[in-house]
Amino acid sequence: MKNLGVMVIVALLAMSCEPKEVKLPNEGVWRGELAVMDNQILPFNFKLKKSATGAYTMEIYNAEEVISVDEIEIVGDTITIRTPVFEGYIVGIFTGRTMKGQFIKESLGRIVPFTANYNVTERFDKTVVPNADISGIWETDFSLGTEDHYKGKGIFSQKGVLVTGTFRTTTGDYRYLEGIANGDSLKLSAFDGAHAFLFAAKITDSTLQGTFYSGNHFKEPFLAKRNKDFELVSADSLTFLKEGYNRLAFKFPNSKGEEVSLNDTRFKDKVVLVQIMGTWCPNCLDETKFYLDYLKNNNSDGLEVVALAFEYAKTKERAFKSIQRMRDRIGVDYPILLAQYGTSDKEKAQEKLPMLNHVLSYPTTIFIDKEGTVRKIHTGFNGPATGEKHTAFKKEFNDFMRQLLAE
């Protein structure tokens, strides 16, 4: 599958090889659409801008989130759009007012049909006054009655027909969701270059019943009920050291081929945060940006952060390329070690860290004190889309770090 993207681009170029005058894409707001399962369409809005030199940039919008894109290449009437950090990209044929192509994730062999239309400002078409206001907290069951069942917490705000919010789970959140309540129908979407999420549900005053779609490769049912007092289990209780272990141990390579372990001098007598993550993971990106901000704005003497990357890139070289791309794009200056490539399977990840009961989530952070003792393991990350939960997490993190560094 490593040549998948090249094959698609060659095919598009062949389709567009007839000599003709090319009308460049118009500047301004567009609506992109991804074709997911069950004939559902996942929309998102973006804005194209062109500099004095003719180079294009893009902003992708998901509620309060704005993703800036500066890797856009135009050859003839073919456009390639690479979003920051993540491997996924869009390639397609354009006119001044339209685009048609695919959203591609090469390492996973996934292709999602993509179209876009200029000057369409609404994310979803609005036709009917909503039956209810879904603002508030919703206790949610995903894949209820199956072995894949898990709990979620819906957090939503509605103004007229417009709805924003997210679903939190024990492993993270579903990012900045934006959409509409349209009669008895709810539709929410998010696209960030890594994940393409669509939630479609029927609304009553007290329930949301529908389907969650991830790209065109996965779907699952969900049922949500109003419950203002609902809370997920503590993220500090889900992952822990097995009986008989009191320390974390690993030895993984950095990009120079050097094996790094917690026994290295740089970690001696210091507080260490070990971040289990992947460069393909939006929650991991949110967490990494949080750690970078913390290191920038606090006295980090006596503190080390080290990331263990579990990559689905098929080769070591491609995995390290993804790691370097993340480093370059957001300025990561702490070590990112390659713990696994070829799969991001959590059971395989747990085999690399056998002292843990499991690896439940990317990301997971292990807090180690100056004596080398594991003091806490935090599963998932409450990203900025979770609002008050993100604020509470930041306070809890800062307080705990002050305690560890003062010991």
Protein backbone atom coordinates (compact mmCIF):
# COMPACT_ATOMS: atom_id res chain seq x y z
CA MET A 1 0.00 0.00 0.00
CA LYS A 2 2.98 2.33 0.24
CA ASN A 3 2.47 3.53 -3.36
CA LEU A 4 -1.26 4.04 -2.91
CA GLY A 5 -1.08 7.83 -2.91
CA VAL A 6 1.25 7.92 -5.89
CA MET A 7 -1.11 5.68 -7.86
CA VAL A 8 -4.08 7.94 -7.08
CA ILE A 9 -2.19 11.10 -8.03
CA VAL A 10 -0.97 9.55 -11.31
CA ALA A 11 -4.54 8.50 -12.14
CA LEU A 12 -5.84 12.00 -11.45
CA LEU A 13 -3.11 13.56 -13.55
CA ALA A 14 -3.92 11.19 -16.41
CA MET A 15 -7.57 12.24 -16.22
CA SER A 16 -6.57 15.89 -16.47
CA CYS A 17 -3.81 15.74 -19.08
CA GLU A 18 -5.79 17.33 -21.91
CA PRO A 19 -4.39 20.81 -22.66
CA LYS A 20 -6.76 23.46 -21.32
CA GLU A 21 -6.79 26.71 -19.46
CA VAL A 22 -6.72 26.05 -15.72
CA LYS A 23 -9.01 28.10 -13.49
CA LEU A 24 -7.36 28.17 -10.07
CA PRO A 25 -9.48 27.48 -6.97
CA ASN A 26 -11.30 30.58 -5.74
CA GLU A 27 -10.21 32.20 -2.52
CA GLY A 28 -12.79 32.16 0.25
CA VAL A 29 -15.00 29.70 2.11
CA TRP A 30 -15.66 26.18 0.80
CA ARG A 31 -17.56 23.18 2.10
CA GLY A 32 -15.73 19.88 1.87
CA GLU A 33 -17.64 16.60 1.97
CA LEU A 34 -16.38 13.10 2.72
CA ALA A 35 -18.50 10.11 1.70
CA VAL A 36 -18.70 7.77 4.70
CA MET A 37 -20.85 4.66 5.21
CA ASP A 38 -24.61 4.22 4.68
CA ASN A 39 -24.61 6.97 2.01
CA GLN A 40 -23.91 9.53 4.74
CA ILE A 41 -21.95 12.70 4.00
CA LEU A 42 -19.48 14.19 6.48
CA PRO A 43 -19.13 17.94 5.83
CA PHE A 44 -16.54 20.44 7.04
CA ASN A 45 -15.77 24.04 6.15
CA PHE A 46 -12.47 25.51 5.09
CA LYS A 47 -11.13 28.77 3.70
CA LEU A 48 -8.57 29.09 0.92
CA LYS A 49 -6.20 32.04 0.79
CA LYS A 50 -3.56 32.96 -1.79
CA SER A 51 -0.42 34.97 -1.09
CA ALA A 52 1.16 37.59 -3.34
CA THR A 53 3.47 34.86 -4.65
CA GLY A 54 0.51 32.68 -5.63
CA ALA A 55 0.99 30.10 -2.86
CA TYR A 56 -2.18 28.76 -1.26
CA THR A 57 -2.90 28.28 2.44
CA MET A 58 -6.00 26.89 4.10
CA GLU A 59 -7.88 27.10 7.37
CA ILE A 60 -10.05 24.14 8.40
CA TYR A 61 -12.84 24.91 10.89
CA ASN A 62 -14.33 22.66 13.57
CA ALA A 63 -16.35 24.76 16.04
CA GLU A 64 -13.71 26.81 17.92
CA GLU A 65 -10.81 24.93 16.34
CA VAL A 66 -8.90 26.47 13.42
CA ILE A 67 -6.33 24.23 11.71
CA SER A 68 -3.82 26.13 9.58
CA VAL A 69 -2.59 24.27 6.48
CA ASP A 70 0.43 25.50 4.52
CA GLU A 71 1.37 22.41 2.49
CA ILE A 72 -0.72 22.80 -0.65
CA GLU A 73 0.64 21.81 -4.04
CA ILE A 74 -0.97 22.51 -7.41
CA VAL A 75 0.15 20.73 -10.59
CA GLY A 76 -2.03 21.46 -13.59
CA ASP A 77 -5.56 21.08 -12.27
CA THR A 78 -4.60 18.64 -9.50
CA ILE A 79 -4.42 19.87 -5.91
CA THR A 80 -2.73 18.05 -3.01
CA ILE A 81 -3.48 19.23 0.53
CA ARG A 82 -1.39 17.89 3.44
CA THR A 83 -2.63 18.71 6.91
CA PRO A 84 -0.11 19.50 9.68
CA VAL A 85 1.61 16.62 11.54
CA PHE A 86 -0.71 13.84 10.36
CA GLU A 87 -0.09 11.49 7.44
CA GLY A 88 -3.53 11.91 5.83
CA TYR A 89 -3.89 14.16 2.79
CA ILE A 90 -6.45 15.21 0.19
CA VAL A 91 -5.76 14.97 -3.54
CA GLY A 92 -8.19 15.93 -6.28
CA ILE A 93 -9.05 17.67 -9.53
CA PHE A 94 -10.28 21.26 -9.21
CA THR A 95 -12.03 24.00 -11.08
CA GLY A 96 -12.50 27.51 -9.75
CA ARG A 97 -15.54 26.42 -7.75
CA THR A 98 -15.27 22.64 -7.26
CA MET A 99 -12.89 19.88 -6.14
CA LYS A 100 -13.28 16.12 -6.53
CA GLY A 101 -10.85 13.50 -5.28
CA GLN A 102 -9.95 11.45 -2.20
CA PHE A 103 -8.81 11.74 1.40
CA ILE A 104 -5.99 9.20 1.74
CA LYS A 105 -4.21 7.54 4.68
CA GLU A 106 -1.53 5.44 3.00
CA SER A 107 -0.24 3.38 5.92
CA LEU A 108 -3.75 2.11 6.63
CA GLY A 109 -4.70 1.74 2.97
CA ARG A 110 -7.77 3.95 3.42
CA ILE A 111 -9.34 6.10 0.70
CA VAL A 112 -12.43 8.23 1.34
CA PRO A 113 -14.18 10.01 -1.58
CA PHE A 114 -13.93 13.81 -1.26
CA THR A 115 -15.71 16.69 -2.95
CA ALA A 116 -15.82 20.42 -2.21
CA ASN A 117 -17.86 23.38 -3.38
CA TYR A 118 -16.99 27.05 -3.24
CA ASN A 119 -19.00 29.67 -1.34
CA VAL A 120 -21.02 27.18 0.71
CA THR A 121 -20.79 28.58 4.22
CA GLU A 122 -23.18 26.26 6.07
CA ARG A 123 -21.71 23.03 7.39
CA PHE A 124 -25.05 21.20 7.24
CA ASP A 125 -28.14 22.32 5.35
CA LYS A 126 -30.82 23.62 7.70
CA THR A 127 -34.45 22.93 6.79
CA VAL A 128 -36.56 22.44 9.93
CA VAL A 129 -36.82 24.09 13.35
CA PRO A 130 -35.26 21.75 15.97
CA ASN A 131 -37.62 19.76 18.18
CA ALA A 132 -35.47 20.15 21.30
CA ASP A 133 -32.45 21.90 22.79
CA ILE A 134 -29.77 19.29 23.57
CA SER A 135 -27.54 21.60 25.63
CA GLY A 136 -26.19 19.80 28.68
CA ILE A 137 -24.69 16.48 29.77
CA TRP A 138 -25.59 13.13 28.18
CA GLU A 139 -24.69 9.70 29.56
CA THR A 140 -23.78 7.73 26.45
CA ASP A 141 -23.40 4.05 25.63
CA PHE A 142 -21.49 3.11 22.50
CA SER A 143 -22.01 -0.40 21.03
CA LEU A 144 -24.39 -1.25 23.86
CA GLY A 145 -24.93 -5.00 24.36
CA THR A 146 -21.69 -6.02 22.65
CA GLU A 147 -18.21 -6.90 23.88
CA ASP A 148 -17.04 -3.56 22.42
CA HIS A 149 -19.36 -1.54 24.69
CA TYR A 150 -17.91 1.56 26.32
CA LYS A 151 -19.25 4.64 28.09
CA GLY A 152 -19.10 8.22 26.92
CA LYS A 153 -20.11 11.62 28.21
CA GLY A 154 -21.74 13.98 25.73
CA ILE A 155 -21.18 17.68 26.46
CA PHE A 156 -23.17 19.99 24.18
CA SER A 157 -24.20 23.60 23.72
CA GLN A 158 -27.01 24.57 21.36
CA LYS A 159 -27.83 28.05 20.04
CA GLY A 160 -30.83 27.94 17.74
CA VAL A 161 -30.09 25.12 15.31
CA LEU A 162 -26.31 25.23 15.82
CA VAL A 163 -24.74 22.62 18.11
CA THR A 164 -21.15 22.33 19.34
CA GLY A 165 -19.48 20.06 21.89
CA THR A 166 -17.88 16.65 22.11
CA PHE A 167 -18.11 13.14 23.53
CA ARG A 168 -15.60 12.32 26.27
CA THR A 169 -14.61 8.70 26.85
CA THR A 170 -12.15 7.04 29.21
CA THR A 171 -9.58 7.09 26.39
CA GLY A 172 -9.95 10.71 25.28
CA ASP A 173 -12.46 12.88 23.48
CA TYR A 174 -13.88 13.09 19.97
CA ARG A 175 -12.46 16.55 19.38
CA TYR A 176 -14.35 19.68 18.34
CA LEU A 177 -17.72 18.55 17.00
CA GLU A 178 -19.91 21.02 15.13
CA GLY A 179 -23.31 20.58 13.53
CA ILE A 180 -27.04 21.18 13.70
CA ALA A 181 -30.27 20.05 15.30
CA ASN A 182 -32.70 19.85 12.40
CA GLY A 183 -36.22 18.85 13.41
CA ASP A 184 -35.73 15.53 15.21
CA SER A 185 -32.30 14.96 13.60
CA LEU A 186 -28.86 15.70 15.04
CA LYS A 187 -25.73 15.73 12.91
CA LEU A 188 -22.24 16.57 14.17
CA SER A 189 -18.92 16.31 12.35
CA ALA A 190 -15.20 16.92 12.75
CA PHE A 191 -12.28 16.65 10.31
CA ASP A 192 -8.70 17.34 11.37
CA GLY A 193 -6.56 15.54 8.80
CA ALA A 194 -6.26 12.42 10.94
CA HIS A 195 -9.81 11.50 11.85
CA ALA A 196 -13.09 12.10 10.05
CA PHE A 197 -15.98 11.81 12.52
CA LEU A 198 -19.72 11.97 11.89
CA PHE A 199 -22.46 11.49 14.51
CA ALA A 200 -26.01 11.16 13.19
CA ALA A 201 -28.89 10.71 15.64
CA LYS A 202 -32.61 11.03 16.24
CA ILE A 203 -33.55 13.45 19.02
CA THR A 204 -36.18 13.30 21.69
CA ASP A 205 -36.23 15.56 24.73
CA SER A 206 -34.40 12.93 26.76
CA THR A 207 -32.53 10.66 24.30
CA LEU A 208 -30.18 10.70 21.35
CA GLN A 209 -30.11 7.47 19.38
CA GLY A 210 -27.87 7.14 16.36
CA THR A 211 -24.67 6.03 14.71
CA PHE A 212 -21.06 7.14 14.98
CA TYR A 213 -19.06 6.95 11.74
CA SER A 214 -15.28 7.10 11.50
CA GLY A 215 -14.33 7.66 7.87
CA ASN A 216 -15.77 4.99 5.61
CA HIS A 217 -14.22 2.05 7.49
CA PHE A 218 -16.04 1.97 10.85
CA LYS A 219 -19.42 2.62 12.42
CA GLU A 220 -21.11 1.83 15.72
CA PRO A 221 -24.46 2.62 17.37
CA PHE A 222 -24.82 4.90 20.36
CA LEU A 223 -27.59 5.77 22.80
CA ALA A 224 -27.41 8.88 24.98
CA LYS A 225 -29.69 9.92 27.85
CA ARG A 226 -29.78 13.21 29.71
CA ASN A 227 -27.96 12.92 33.02
CA LYS A 228 -26.48 16.12 34.43
CA ASP A 229 -24.74 14.19 37.22
CA PHE A 230 -23.03 11.56 35.05
CA GLU A 231 -19.27 11.23 35.24
CA LEU A 232 -16.81 8.77 33.74
CA VAL A 233 -14.59 6.65 35.96
CA SER A 234 -11.37 8.32 37.05
CA ALA A 235 -8.71 8.42 34.34
CA ASP A 236 -6.11 7.73 37.06
CA SER A 237 -7.57 4.31 37.95
CA LEU A 238 -7.69 2.50 34.61
CA THR A 239 -4.04 1.68 33.91
CA PHE A 240 -1.67 0.52 36.66
CA LEU A 241 1.44 -1.52 37.39
CA LYS A 242 0.83 -5.24 37.78
CA GLU A 243 1.44 -6.89 41.12
CA GLY A 244 5.12 -7.58 41.57
CA TYR A 245 6.25 -4.46 39.69
CA ASN A 246 7.05 -1.10 41.23
CA ARG A 247 8.92 0.50 38.36
CA LEU A 248 8.58 1.14 34.66
CA ALA A 249 11.32 -0.16 32.37
CA PHE A 250 11.91 0.09 28.63
CA LYS A 251 14.65 0.45 26.04
CA PHE A 252 13.66 1.89 22.66
CA PRO A 253 15.61 3.64 19.86
CA ASN A 254 15.62 7.30 18.95
CA SER A 255 16.00 8.55 15.38
CA LYS A 256 19.80 8.19 15.63
CA GLY A 257 19.49 4.51 16.45
CA GLU A 258 20.56 5.07 20.04
CA GLU A 259 18.80 2.92 22.65
CA VAL A 260 17.27 5.04 25.39
CA SER A 261 16.11 3.78 28.79
CA LEU A 262 15.11 5.20 32.14
CA ASN A 263 18.50 4.12 33.49
CA ASP A 264 20.20 6.79 31.37
CA THR A 265 21.94 9.63 33.20
CA ARG A 266 19.56 12.31 31.91
CA PHE A 267 16.69 10.77 33.91
CA LYS A 268 18.60 10.18 37.17
CA ASP A 269 17.13 11.94 40.21
CA LYS A 270 14.50 13.70 38.09
CA VAL A 271 10.74 13.66 37.76
CA VAL A 272 9.93 11.90 34.48
CA LEU A 273 6.76 11.96 32.40
CA VAL A 274 6.54 8.99 30.04
CA GLN A 275 4.03 9.68 27.28
CA ILE A 276 2.56 6.70 25.42
CA MET A 277 1.42 8.16 22.10
CA GLY A 278 1.32 8.01 18.31
CA THR A 279 1.93 10.71 15.73
CA TRP A 280 -1.36 9.70 14.06
CA CYS A 281 -3.41 10.47 17.19
CA PRO A 282 -5.17 13.87 17.53
CA ASN A 283 -5.59 13.53 21.32
CA CYS A 284 -1.85 12.81 21.53
CA LEU A 285 -1.18 15.96 19.53
CA ASP A 286 -3.33 17.97 21.94
CA GLU A 287 -1.46 16.48 24.88
CA THR A 288 1.94 17.09 23.29
CA LYS A 289 1.08 20.75 22.71
CA PHE A 290 -0.02 20.97 26.35
CA TYR A 291 3.32 19.55 27.56
CA LEU A 292 5.29 21.88 25.30
CA ASP A 293 3.36 24.84 26.67
CA TYR A 294 3.96 23.66 30.24
CA LEU A 295 7.71 23.28 29.64
CA LYS A 296 7.88 26.71 28.04
CA ASN A 297 6.03 28.51 30.82
CA ASN A 298 7.33 26.72 33.91
CA ASN A 299 10.70 26.07 35.50
CA SER A 300 11.41 22.60 34.15
CA ASP A 301 14.62 22.00 36.09
CA GLY A 302 14.41 18.51 37.54
CA LEU A 303 11.85 17.38 34.94
CA GLU A 304 12.22 15.19 31.85
CA VAL A 305 9.56 14.20 29.33
CA VAL A 306 10.03 11.21 27.03
CA ALA A 307 7.51 9.94 24.48
CA LEU A 308 7.09 6.34 23.35
CA ALA A 309 5.62 6.31 19.84
CA PHE A 310 3.46 3.40 18.69
CA GLU A 311 3.18 3.90 14.93
CA TYR A 312 1.09 2.15 12.29
CA ALA A 313 3.56 3.13 9.53
CA LYS A 314 4.67 -0.10 7.84
CA THR A 315 8.42 0.50 8.04
CA LYS A 316 10.81 1.88 10.64
CA GLU A 317 11.91 4.56 8.18
CA ARG A 318 8.37 5.79 7.59
CA ALA A 319 7.66 5.72 11.32
CA PHE A 320 10.67 7.90 12.08
CA LYS A 321 9.67 10.19 9.20
CA SER A 322 6.28 10.70 10.89
CA ILE A 323 8.02 11.37 14.20
CA GLN A 324 10.32 13.93 12.59
CA ARG A 325 7.36 15.59 10.88
CA MET A 326 5.68 16.02 14.26
CA ARG A 327 8.90 17.39 15.75
CA ASP A 328 9.32 19.92 12.96
CA ARG A 329 5.70 21.05 12.79
CA ILE A 330 5.12 21.79 16.49
CA GLY A 331 8.67 22.06 17.87
CA VAL A 332 8.92 18.98 20.08
CA ASP A 333 12.30 19.14 21.82
CA TYR A 334 12.01 16.15 24.16
CA PRO A 335 12.90 12.59 23.08
CA ILE A 336 10.39 10.64 20.99
CA LEU A 337 11.38 6.98 20.89
CA LEU A 338 10.02 4.41 18.45
CA ALA A 339 8.39 1.74 20.60
CA GLN A 340 6.52 -0.05 17.81
CA TYR A 341 5.79 0.25 14.10
CA GLY A 342 3.54 -1.59 11.66
CA THR A 343 0.58 -1.50 14.04
CA SER A 344 -0.90 0.60 16.81
CA ASP A 345 -2.64 -2.45 18.32
CA LYS A 346 -2.93 -1.91 22.07
CA GLU A 347 -2.39 -5.55 22.98
CA LYS A 348 0.89 -5.49 21.04
CA ALA A 349 1.77 -2.24 22.81
CA GLN A 350 1.16 -3.84 26.19
CA GLU A 351 3.64 -6.59 25.25
CA LYS A 352 6.30 -3.89 24.97
CA LEU A 353 5.45 -2.66 28.47
CA PRO A 354 4.58 -5.92 30.28
CA MET A 355 4.56 -4.31 33.72
CA LEU A 356 1.31 -2.49 32.82
CA ASN A 357 -2.06 -4.20 33.20
CA HIS A 358 -2.89 -2.93 29.71
CA VAL A 359 -2.41 -0.06 27.30
CA LEU A 360 -5.99 1.19 27.14
CA SER A 361 -5.48 4.50 25.39
CA TYR A 362 -3.30 6.66 23.24
CA PRO A 363 -2.28 8.87 24.94
CA THR A 364 -1.41 7.58 28.40
CA THR A 365 1.03 9.37 30.70
CA ILE A 366 3.07 7.72 33.44
CA PHE A 367 4.28 10.02 36.24
CA ILE A 368 7.56 8.89 37.83
CA ASP A 369 9.08 10.61 40.86
CA LYS A 370 12.76 11.38 41.53
CA GLU A 371 13.25 7.99 43.17
CA GLY A 372 12.03 6.18 40.06
CA THR A 373 8.70 5.19 41.58
CA VAL A 374 5.55 5.30 39.45
CA ARG A 375 3.23 7.69 41.27
CA LYS A 376 0.34 7.94 38.85
CA ILE A 377 -0.79 6.70 35.44
CA HIS A 378 -3.26 8.93 33.60
CA THR A 379 -5.26 7.35 30.77
CA GLY A 380 -6.40 9.52 27.86
CA PHE A 381 -6.40 13.30 27.66
CA ASN A 382 -9.16 15.83 28.20
CA GLY A 383 -8.43 18.10 25.26
CA PRO A 384 -9.49 21.73 24.82
CA ALA A 385 -12.79 20.64 23.23
CA THR A 386 -13.92 19.36 26.65
CA GLY A 387 -14.10 22.90 28.09
CA GLU A 388 -14.36 22.81 31.89
CA LYS A 389 -12.83 19.34 32.04
CA HIS A 390 -9.74 20.60 30.23
CA THR A 391 -9.46 23.50 32.66
CA ALA A 392 -9.81 21.15 35.63
CA PHE A 393 -7.20 18.80 34.17
CA LYS A 394 -4.69 21.64 33.80
CA LYS A 395 -5.09 22.64 37.44
CA GLU A 396 -4.77 19.05 38.65
CA PHE A 397 -1.68 18.51 36.49
CA ASN A 398 0.02 21.70 37.66
CA ASP A 399 -0.68 20.94 41.32
CA PHE A 400 0.67 17.39 41.04
CA MET A 401 3.79 18.53 39.17
CA ARG A 402 4.55 21.11 41.85
CA GLN A 403 4.26 18.35 44.46
CA LEU A 404 6.58 15.94 42.61
CA LEU A 405 9.19 18.59 41.81
CA ALA A 406 9.23 19.85 45.41
CA GLU A 407 9.93 16.40 46.90
